[in-house]
Protein backbone atom coordinates (compact mmCIF):
# COMPACT_ATOMS: atom_id res chain seq x y z
CA MET A 1 82.71 154.35 123.93
CA GLU A 2 82.76 150.91 125.54
CA PRO A 3 80.61 148.24 123.93
CA ASP A 4 77.23 147.40 125.43
CA VAL A 5 78.12 143.99 127.01
CA THR A 6 74.51 143.19 127.83
CA GLU A 7 73.40 143.88 124.20
CA THR A 8 76.30 141.99 122.86
CA GLY A 9 75.54 139.03 125.08
CA ARG A 10 71.90 139.06 123.99
CA ARG A 11 72.69 138.98 120.39
CA LEU A 12 75.38 136.36 120.85
CA ALA A 13 72.98 134.16 122.77
CA LEU A 14 70.25 134.44 120.18
CA GLY A 15 72.67 133.60 117.44
CA ILE A 16 74.18 130.69 119.24
CA GLY A 17 70.74 129.40 120.17
CA VAL A 18 69.65 129.34 116.57
CA ALA A 19 72.87 127.79 115.51
CA LEU A 20 72.65 124.95 118.04
CA LEU A 21 69.11 124.34 117.08
CA MET A 22 69.86 124.09 113.51
CA THR A 23 72.90 121.84 114.11
CA VAL A 24 70.73 119.40 116.06
CA PHE A 25 68.01 119.78 113.40
CA ALA A 26 70.34 119.01 110.51
CA SER A 27 71.16 115.61 111.97
CA THR A 28 67.55 114.84 112.91
CA THR A 29 65.45 115.84 109.96
CA HIS A 30 62.87 113.28 110.85
CA ALA A 31 61.80 115.68 113.62
CA ALA A 32 60.83 118.28 111.05
CA LEU A 33 57.23 119.53 110.99
CA PHE A 34 57.62 120.13 107.28
CA ALA A 35 60.21 118.73 104.90
CA ASP A 36 60.63 118.99 101.12
CA THR A 37 63.74 117.60 99.29
CA PHE A 38 62.15 118.41 95.88
CA GLU A 39 63.05 114.93 94.61
CA ARG A 40 60.25 114.87 92.09
CA PRO A 41 60.00 114.89 88.31
CA ASP A 42 60.84 118.15 86.64
CA GLY A 43 57.78 120.37 85.84
CA PRO A 44 56.22 123.84 86.13
CA ASP A 45 54.40 123.05 89.28
CA LEU A 46 55.78 122.27 92.85
CA GLY A 47 52.58 120.46 93.76
CA PRO A 48 50.15 120.72 96.62
CA LEU A 49 52.82 121.39 99.26
CA TRP A 50 53.40 124.91 98.03
CA VAL A 51 51.44 128.08 97.13
CA GLN A 52 52.79 130.39 94.55
CA GLN A 53 52.28 133.84 96.01
CA TRP A 54 54.35 135.70 93.42
CA PRO A 55 55.12 133.66 90.23
CA GLU A 56 56.68 131.61 89.39
CA TRP A 57 58.60 128.43 90.60
CA CYS A 58 59.29 125.14 89.00
CA LEU A 59 60.94 121.77 89.74
CA ALA A 60 64.30 121.21 87.90
CA GLY A 61 66.94 118.63 88.73
CA GLY A 62 65.51 117.78 92.11
CA THR A 63 65.54 121.49 93.20
CA ALA A 64 63.01 124.32 93.34
CA ARG A 65 63.94 127.05 90.84
CA SER A 66 62.50 130.57 90.48
CA ILE A 67 61.73 132.03 87.06
CA GLU A 68 64.95 133.05 85.19
CA THR A 69 63.99 136.62 84.45
CA ASP A 70 64.08 140.05 86.22
CA ARG A 71 61.07 139.30 88.42
CA CYS A 72 60.67 138.65 92.10
CA SER A 73 59.21 135.22 93.00
CA LEU A 74 57.75 133.95 96.33
CA MET A 75 56.20 130.70 97.39
CA THR A 76 54.87 129.62 100.76
CA VAL A 77 54.21 126.24 102.41
CA SER A 78 50.64 125.14 102.26
CA ASP A 79 48.75 124.79 105.54
CA TYR A 80 51.75 125.62 107.78
CA GLU A 81 51.73 128.23 110.52
CA HIS A 82 53.96 128.88 113.56
CA PRO A 83 54.41 132.06 115.73
CA GLU A 84 58.13 131.28 116.23
CA PRO A 85 59.27 129.55 113.05
CA ALA A 86 62.59 128.05 112.30
CA VAL A 87 63.46 127.02 108.75
CA GLN A 88 66.53 125.89 106.78
CA ALA A 89 67.40 125.24 103.15
CA THR A 90 70.36 124.72 100.88
CA VAL A 91 70.89 127.45 98.38
CA THR A 92 73.01 127.26 95.28
CA TYR A 93 74.10 130.03 92.85
CA ALA A 94 73.43 128.58 89.39
CA GLY A 95 74.14 130.33 86.08
CA ASP A 96 76.21 133.32 85.06
CA PRO A 97 76.99 136.25 87.45
CA ARG A 98 74.06 138.65 87.58
CA LEU A 99 71.96 140.65 89.96
CA HIS A 100 70.41 137.69 91.80
CA TYR A 101 69.12 136.70 95.19
CA VAL A 102 67.51 133.92 97.14
CA ALA A 103 65.46 134.51 100.36
CA LEU A 104 64.07 132.70 103.37
CA VAL A 105 60.60 133.97 104.43
CA VAL A 106 58.96 133.64 107.80
CA LEU A 107 55.91 135.21 109.59
CA TYR A 108 54.22 135.46 106.23
CA GLN A 109 50.80 137.12 106.11
CA ASP A 110 50.90 138.46 102.63
CA ASN A 111 53.54 139.79 100.19
CA GLU A 112 53.86 143.03 101.96
CA GLN A 113 53.63 141.73 105.56
CA CYS A 114 56.35 139.09 106.20
CA VAL A 115 59.97 138.77 107.25
CA PHE A 116 62.06 138.51 104.02
CA VAL A 117 65.76 137.87 104.55
CA LYS A 118 67.69 137.63 101.27
CA LEU A 119 71.18 136.55 100.23
CA GLN A 120 72.23 138.54 97.21
CA ASP A 121 75.03 138.87 94.57
CA GLY A 122 75.59 142.42 93.57
CA TYR A 123 74.87 145.51 95.64
CA GLU A 124 75.40 149.22 95.16
CA GLY A 125 78.85 149.84 93.88
CA CYS A 126 79.75 146.18 93.54
CA ALA A 127 79.27 144.12 90.28
CA PRO A 128 77.86 140.58 90.46
CA ASP A 129 80.64 137.92 90.59
CA GLY A 130 78.64 134.67 90.87
CA LEU A 131 78.85 134.58 94.71
CA TYR A 132 76.43 135.45 97.48
CA ASP A 133 77.99 138.48 99.18
CA THR A 134 75.31 140.38 101.02
CA ALA A 135 72.35 139.68 103.32
CA TYR A 136 69.39 142.07 103.50
CA PHE A 137 66.69 142.14 106.21
CA TYR A 138 63.35 143.31 104.83
CA LEU A 139 59.65 143.37 105.66
CA GLY A 140 57.68 142.24 102.57
CA ASN A 141 58.69 140.61 99.34
CA ASN A 142 61.94 142.50 98.52
CA SER A 143 59.96 145.68 99.60
CA GLN A 144 62.88 147.36 101.39
CA VAL A 145 60.56 148.36 104.32
CA PRO A 146 62.52 148.83 107.49
CA TRP A 147 61.57 147.82 110.99
CA GLY A 148 62.40 149.50 114.31
CA ASP A 149 65.64 147.79 115.27
CA MET A 150 67.32 148.21 111.90
CA ALA A 151 69.98 150.83 112.30
CA ALA A 152 70.11 151.86 108.57
CA GLY A 153 66.44 151.30 107.69
CA PHE A 154 66.00 149.32 104.53
CA ASP A 155 69.68 149.73 103.79
CA ASP A 156 70.43 147.58 106.79
CA TRP A 157 72.57 144.83 105.28
CA VAL A 158 75.55 142.66 106.29
CA ASP A 159 78.61 141.60 104.34
CA LEU A 160 78.64 137.77 103.97
CA TRP A 161 82.39 137.42 103.69
CA PRO A 162 83.72 134.84 103.07
CA TYR A 163 81.48 134.81 99.99
CA PHE A 164 80.02 131.54 98.70
CA SER A 165 78.13 129.92 95.84
CA THR A 166 76.36 127.32 97.97
CA ALA A 167 75.50 127.01 101.67
CA THR A 168 72.90 125.76 104.08
CA VAL A 169 71.09 128.82 105.50
CA ALA A 170 68.69 128.92 108.49
CA LEU A 171 66.27 131.56 109.74
CA ALA A 172 64.61 131.50 113.14
CA VAL A 173 62.32 133.85 115.14
CA VAL A 174 62.44 134.03 118.89
CA GLY A 175 60.26 136.70 120.41
CA ASP A 176 60.62 139.82 118.22
CA THR A 177 64.13 138.83 116.97
CA VAL A 178 65.02 137.08 113.71
CA SER A 179 68.44 135.30 113.34
CA LEU A 180 70.16 134.21 110.20
CA ALA A 181 72.78 131.37 110.32
CA VAL A 182 75.07 130.40 107.40
CA ASP A 183 76.79 127.03 107.15
CA ARG A 184 79.25 127.43 104.33
CA ASP A 185 80.90 124.00 104.89
CA LEU A 186 77.51 122.14 104.38
CA ASP A 187 78.49 120.01 107.39
CA GLY A 188 75.42 120.71 109.53
CA ASP A 189 77.45 122.63 112.06
CA PHE A 190 76.48 126.38 112.09
CA LEU A 191 79.20 127.21 114.62
CA GLY A 192 82.25 126.28 112.36
CA PRO A 193 85.14 128.77 111.70
CA ASN A 194 83.62 129.54 108.25
CA ASP A 195 80.05 130.06 109.47
CA SER A 196 78.26 133.16 110.39
CA LEU A 197 75.40 134.38 112.63
CA TYR A 198 73.42 137.58 112.32
CA ALA A 199 70.41 138.88 114.23
CA ARG A 200 67.94 141.77 114.05
CA GLY A 201 65.29 142.58 116.75
CA GLY A 202 62.26 144.75 117.09
CA LEU A 203 60.00 142.94 114.65
CA PRO A 204 56.47 144.45 114.49
CA LEU A 205 54.79 141.13 115.31
CA ASP A 206 51.31 142.58 115.28
CA ASP A 207 51.59 143.33 111.60
CA LEU A 208 52.90 139.92 110.53
CA GLY A 209 51.47 136.42 110.01
CA LEU A 210 52.51 132.80 110.69
CA GLY A 211 53.54 131.43 107.30
CA ILE A 212 56.92 130.30 105.94
CA GLY A 213 58.40 130.21 102.48
CA VAL A 214 61.10 131.05 99.89
CA GLY A 215 61.78 134.07 97.69
CA GLY A 216 64.02 134.40 94.64
CA TYR A 217 65.05 136.60 91.82
CA ASP A 218 66.33 135.54 88.40
CA GLY A 219 66.91 131.76 88.76
CA ALA A 220 67.10 131.15 92.55
CA CYS A 221 67.91 127.51 93.32
CA VAL A 222 66.63 125.96 96.59
CA ASP A 223 66.98 122.40 97.92
CA ASP A 224 66.20 120.50 101.14
CA PHE A 225 63.70 122.91 102.79
CA TYR A 226 62.91 122.04 106.37
CA ALA A 227 60.85 123.56 109.13
CA MET A 228 61.44 122.57 112.74
CA PRO A 229 59.39 122.82 115.91
CA GLU A 230 59.71 125.11 118.85
CA PRO A 231 62.88 127.08 118.52
CA ALA A 232 62.21 129.02 121.74
CA THR A 233 62.84 126.36 124.25
CA ALA A 234 66.44 125.47 123.30
CA THR A 235 67.23 129.11 122.58
CA LEU A 236 66.15 130.21 126.03
CA LEU A 237 68.43 127.63 127.52
CA VAL A 238 71.36 129.18 125.71
CA LEU A 239 70.15 132.64 126.54
CA GLY A 240 70.33 131.69 130.31
CA THR A 241 73.80 130.28 129.98
CA VAL A 242 75.27 133.26 128.01
CA GLY A 243 73.28 135.74 130.16
CA TRP A 244 74.95 134.35 133.26
CA ALA A 245 78.37 134.63 131.63
CA VAL A 246 77.70 138.27 130.73
CA ALA A 247 76.47 139.04 134.21
CA ARG A 248 79.76 137.59 135.63
CA ARG A 249 81.84 139.64 133.23
CA LYS A 250 80.10 142.89 134.25
CA ARG A 251 80.87 142.40 137.93
């Protein structure tokens, strides 16, 4: 069967749009609607910028850390809402190999109604090795609830090869599609040869909220969290360009 060129072009455009936005954003963080570098004294509280929705997070070494035990943790940004959010953060695998994940959270309404995209070490049939190797797309705090466009339901995951211990990751929503970008080189360019783009559509927007945040399991480490304004405009520009190219290819 020949590939669906229109669908391929749509997903490519969405991914490139997110990547271009994040690349521009990485060099202009002053444009962020929200920014937290976590450069504060160590302590058990992240302060008024964050709300602990599922305990618990602390400040350690200028980073945000989730509790080092077999518990899910989730925090959201205080007083921040956006219908098409775009966020990015630097994630680092700290400690010994173990079943472990860190997640970006958008469209948060509550712990069961949000988009929760996690980077994990260790999945079925593969022992943890100290590297993030798999990305999962969930609704809810690690709830494994599927949404309509996920081909394999809650088992809809992607292999993150080449695997990594630290990267800048970005998540953005445009319409009913969420896109994940991974910058393994930490150079602010999400379109490099070692970088990756993934997208899932069909989000049930009527059941979701507007908040943003971070999830983690067993010692997640997050730094330099930013939220940027209006991802849709730039993405639509890219959509138009790639859509035109796809249309020409089909003729």
